Amino acid sequence: MQFFHIRYRNTQGTLMRILNAASRRGLELPAVQASAAEHDHQVTLALDVNQKQTGQLYREWYSIADVIHVGSGAAHTAAWATHHPPTGVTLEDSRAAARA
């Protein structure tokens, strides 16, 4: 499972073109999260793809005029679990740091 993080300008049909790139290849979309991000928008997709499909998706997403950035990997999985404190940090330590 690979996570793709795509930042785009929210113009008419851009999100559908991004999602269409995966659905045209018959890929399942087990997780999709779209949200506003500052002045732009972002979508995070979880896809089970091989290296060739990853290259094809990158090429197609970058060919969409309103796509600004495409990234992938485990580094973007933090966006799926944002409400938990980091491992090894107790809540008391983080509260004390916030008060300082």
C-alpha atoms as a PDB file:
ATOM      1  CA  MET A   1       0.000   0.000   0.000  1.00  0.00           C
ATOM      2  CA  GLN A   2       1.405   3.359  -1.021  1.00  0.00           C
ATOM      3  CA  PHE A   3       0.118   6.791  -0.029  1.00  0.00           C
ATOM      4  CA  PHE A   4       0.014   9.598  -2.595  1.00  0.00           C
ATOM      5  CA  HIS A   5      -0.289  13.217  -1.537  1.00  0.00           C
ATOM      6  CA  ILE A   6      -1.436  15.581  -4.291  1.00  0.00           C
ATOM      7  CA  ARG A   7      -1.712  19.363  -3.936  1.00  0.00           C
ATOM      8  CA  TYR A   8      -3.880  21.130  -6.536  1.00  0.00           C
ATOM      9  CA  ARG A   9      -5.820  24.303  -7.330  1.00  0.00           C
ATOM     10  CA  ASN A  10      -9.518  23.659  -6.801  1.00  0.00           C
ATOM     11  CA  THR A  11     -10.894  24.373 -10.241  1.00  0.00           C
ATOM     12  CA  GLN A  12     -13.867  22.628 -11.785  1.00  0.00           C
ATOM     13  CA  GLY A  13     -13.188  18.925 -12.369  1.00  0.00           C
ATOM     14  CA  THR A  14      -9.593  18.796 -11.066  1.00  0.00           C
ATOM     15  CA  LEU A  15     -10.314  16.338  -8.243  1.00  0.00           C
ATOM     16  CA  MET A  16     -12.288  14.100 -10.613  1.00  0.00           C
ATOM     17  CA  ARG A  17      -9.392  14.049 -13.105  1.00  0.00           C
ATOM     18  CA  ILE A  18      -7.017  13.058 -10.279  1.00  0.00           C
ATOM     19  CA  LEU A  19      -9.290  10.222  -9.142  1.00  0.00           C
ATOM     20  CA  ASN A  20      -9.989   9.160 -12.737  1.00  0.00           C
ATOM     21  CA  ALA A  21      -6.289   8.444 -13.299  1.00  0.00           C
ATOM     22  CA  ALA A  22      -6.495   5.659 -10.696  1.00  0.00           C
ATOM     23  CA  SER A  23      -9.960   4.342 -11.568  1.00  0.00           C
ATOM     24  CA  ARG A  24      -9.151   4.059 -15.305  1.00  0.00           C
ATOM     25  CA  ARG A  25      -6.382   1.615 -14.398  1.00  0.00           C
ATOM     26  CA  GLY A  26      -8.817  -0.502 -12.371  1.00  0.00           C
ATOM     27  CA  LEU A  27      -7.125   0.373  -9.068  1.00  0.00           C
ATOM     28  CA  GLU A  28      -9.124   0.207  -5.865  1.00  0.00           C
ATOM     29  CA  LEU A  29      -9.367   3.395  -3.819  1.00  0.00           C
ATOM     30  CA  PRO A  30      -9.533   2.056  -0.230  1.00  0.00           C
ATOM     31  CA  ALA A  31      -8.858   5.483   1.299  1.00  0.00           C
ATOM     32  CA  VAL A  32      -9.334   8.982  -0.097  1.00  0.00           C
ATOM     33  CA  GLN A  33      -9.085  12.146   1.971  1.00  0.00           C
ATOM     34  CA  ALA A  34      -9.574  15.560   0.345  1.00  0.00           C
ATOM     35  CA  SER A  35      -9.339  18.863   2.190  1.00  0.00           C
ATOM     36  CA  ALA A  36      -8.481  22.536   1.863  1.00  0.00           C
ATOM     37  CA  ALA A  37      -4.805  23.351   2.415  1.00  0.00           C
ATOM     38  CA  GLU A  38      -4.042  27.063   2.793  1.00  0.00           C
ATOM     39  CA  HIS A  39      -4.810  28.651  -0.608  1.00  0.00           C
ATOM     40  CA  ASP A  40      -4.901  25.323  -2.444  1.00  0.00           C
ATOM     41  CA  HIS A  41      -6.457  21.908  -1.848  1.00  0.00           C
ATOM     42  CA  GLN A  42      -4.944  18.491  -1.236  1.00  0.00           C
ATOM     43  CA  VAL A  43      -5.997  14.899  -1.624  1.00  0.00           C
ATOM     44  CA  THR A  44      -4.368  11.847  -0.074  1.00  0.00           C
ATOM     45  CA  LEU A  45      -4.929   8.486  -1.763  1.00  0.00           C
ATOM     46  CA  ALA A  46      -4.015   4.999  -0.597  1.00  0.00           C
ATOM     47  CA  LEU A  47      -3.317   2.746  -3.575  1.00  0.00           C
ATOM     48  CA  ASP A  48      -1.808  -0.694  -4.046  1.00  0.00           C
ATOM     49  CA  VAL A  49       0.441  -0.120  -7.080  1.00  0.00           C
ATOM     50  CA  ASN A  50       3.670  -1.398  -8.597  1.00  0.00           C
ATOM     51  CA  GLN A  51       6.602   0.756  -9.738  1.00  0.00           C
ATOM     52  CA  LYS A  52       5.395   1.021 -13.349  1.00  0.00           C
ATOM     53  CA  GLN A  53       1.910   2.128 -12.284  1.00  0.00           C
ATOM     54  CA  THR A  54       3.440   4.698  -9.925  1.00  0.00           C
ATOM     55  CA  GLY A  55       5.365   6.257 -12.815  1.00  0.00           C
ATOM     56  CA  GLN A  56       2.257   6.292 -14.998  1.00  0.00           C
ATOM     57  CA  LEU A  57       0.195   7.946 -12.269  1.00  0.00           C
ATOM     58  CA  TYR A  58       2.855  10.604 -11.610  1.00  0.00           C
ATOM     59  CA  ARG A  59       3.054  11.403 -15.327  1.00  0.00           C
ATOM     60  CA  GLU A  60      -0.713  11.660 -15.687  1.00  0.00           C
ATOM     61  CA  TRP A  61      -1.221  13.713 -12.502  1.00  0.00           C
ATOM     62  CA  TYR A  62       1.501  16.178 -13.509  1.00  0.00           C
ATOM     63  CA  SER A  63      -0.134  16.545 -16.934  1.00  0.00           C
ATOM     64  CA  ILE A  64      -3.227  18.013 -15.227  1.00  0.00           C
ATOM     65  CA  ALA A  65      -2.820  21.792 -15.457  1.00  0.00           C
ATOM     66  CA  ASP A  66      -3.995  22.547 -11.892  1.00  0.00           C
ATOM     67  CA  VAL A  67      -1.858  19.944 -10.085  1.00  0.00           C
ATOM     68  CA  ILE A  68       0.897  21.707  -8.147  1.00  0.00           C
ATOM     69  CA  HIS A  69       2.748  18.863  -6.388  1.00  0.00           C
ATOM     70  CA  VAL A  70       2.641  15.058  -6.246  1.00  0.00           C
ATOM     71  CA  GLY A  71       4.409  13.092  -3.508  1.00  0.00           C
ATOM     72  CA  SER A  72       4.274   9.550  -2.209  1.00  0.00           C
ATOM     73  CA  GLY A  73       5.568   7.283   0.522  1.00  0.00           C
ATOM     74  CA  ALA A  74       5.132   6.508   4.183  1.00  0.00           C
ATOM     75  CA  ALA A  75       5.976  10.072   5.260  1.00  0.00           C
ATOM     76  CA  HIS A  76       2.450  11.193   4.379  1.00  0.00           C
ATOM     77  CA  THR A  77       0.710   8.608   6.531  1.00  0.00           C
ATOM     78  CA  ALA A  78       0.884  11.023   9.493  1.00  0.00           C
ATOM     79  CA  ALA A  79      -2.017  12.926   7.942  1.00  0.00           C
ATOM     80  CA  TRP A  80      -4.274   9.919   8.614  1.00  0.00           C
ATOM     81  CA  ALA A  81      -3.603   9.832  12.389  1.00  0.00           C
ATOM     82  CA  THR A  82      -3.140  13.403  13.539  1.00  0.00           C
ATOM     83  CA  HIS A  83      -4.844  13.205  16.940  1.00  0.00           C
ATOM     84  CA  HIS A  84      -2.291  11.038  18.729  1.00  0.00           C
ATOM     85  CA  PRO A  85       0.799  12.312  20.554  1.00  0.00           C
ATOM     86  CA  PRO A  86       4.161  11.046  19.259  1.00  0.00           C
ATOM     87  CA  THR A  87       5.474   7.811  20.746  1.00  0.00           C
ATOM     88  CA  GLY A  88       7.657   8.434  23.785  1.00  0.00           C
ATOM     89  CA  VAL A  89       6.063  11.771  24.680  1.00  0.00           C
ATOM     90  CA  THR A  90       3.716  11.774  27.616  1.00  0.00           C
ATOM     91  CA  LEU A  91       0.814  14.171  27.746  1.00  0.00           C
ATOM     92  CA  GLU A  92       2.204  15.776  30.900  1.00  0.00           C
ATOM     93  CA  ASP A  93       5.496  16.638  29.150  1.00  0.00           C
ATOM     94  CA  SER A  94       3.709  18.183  26.176  1.00  0.00           C
ATOM     95  CA  ARG A  95       1.364  20.208  28.432  1.00  0.00           C
ATOM     96  CA  ALA A  96       4.304  21.531  30.437  1.00  0.00           C
ATOM     97  CA  ALA A  97       6.085  22.527  27.227  1.00  0.00           C
ATOM     98  CA  ALA A  98       2.969  24.303  25.978  1.00  0.00           C
ATOM     99  CA  ARG A  99       2.752  26.357  29.163  1.00  0.00           C
ATOM    100  CA  ALA A 100       6.420  27.412  29.024  1.00  0.00           C
END
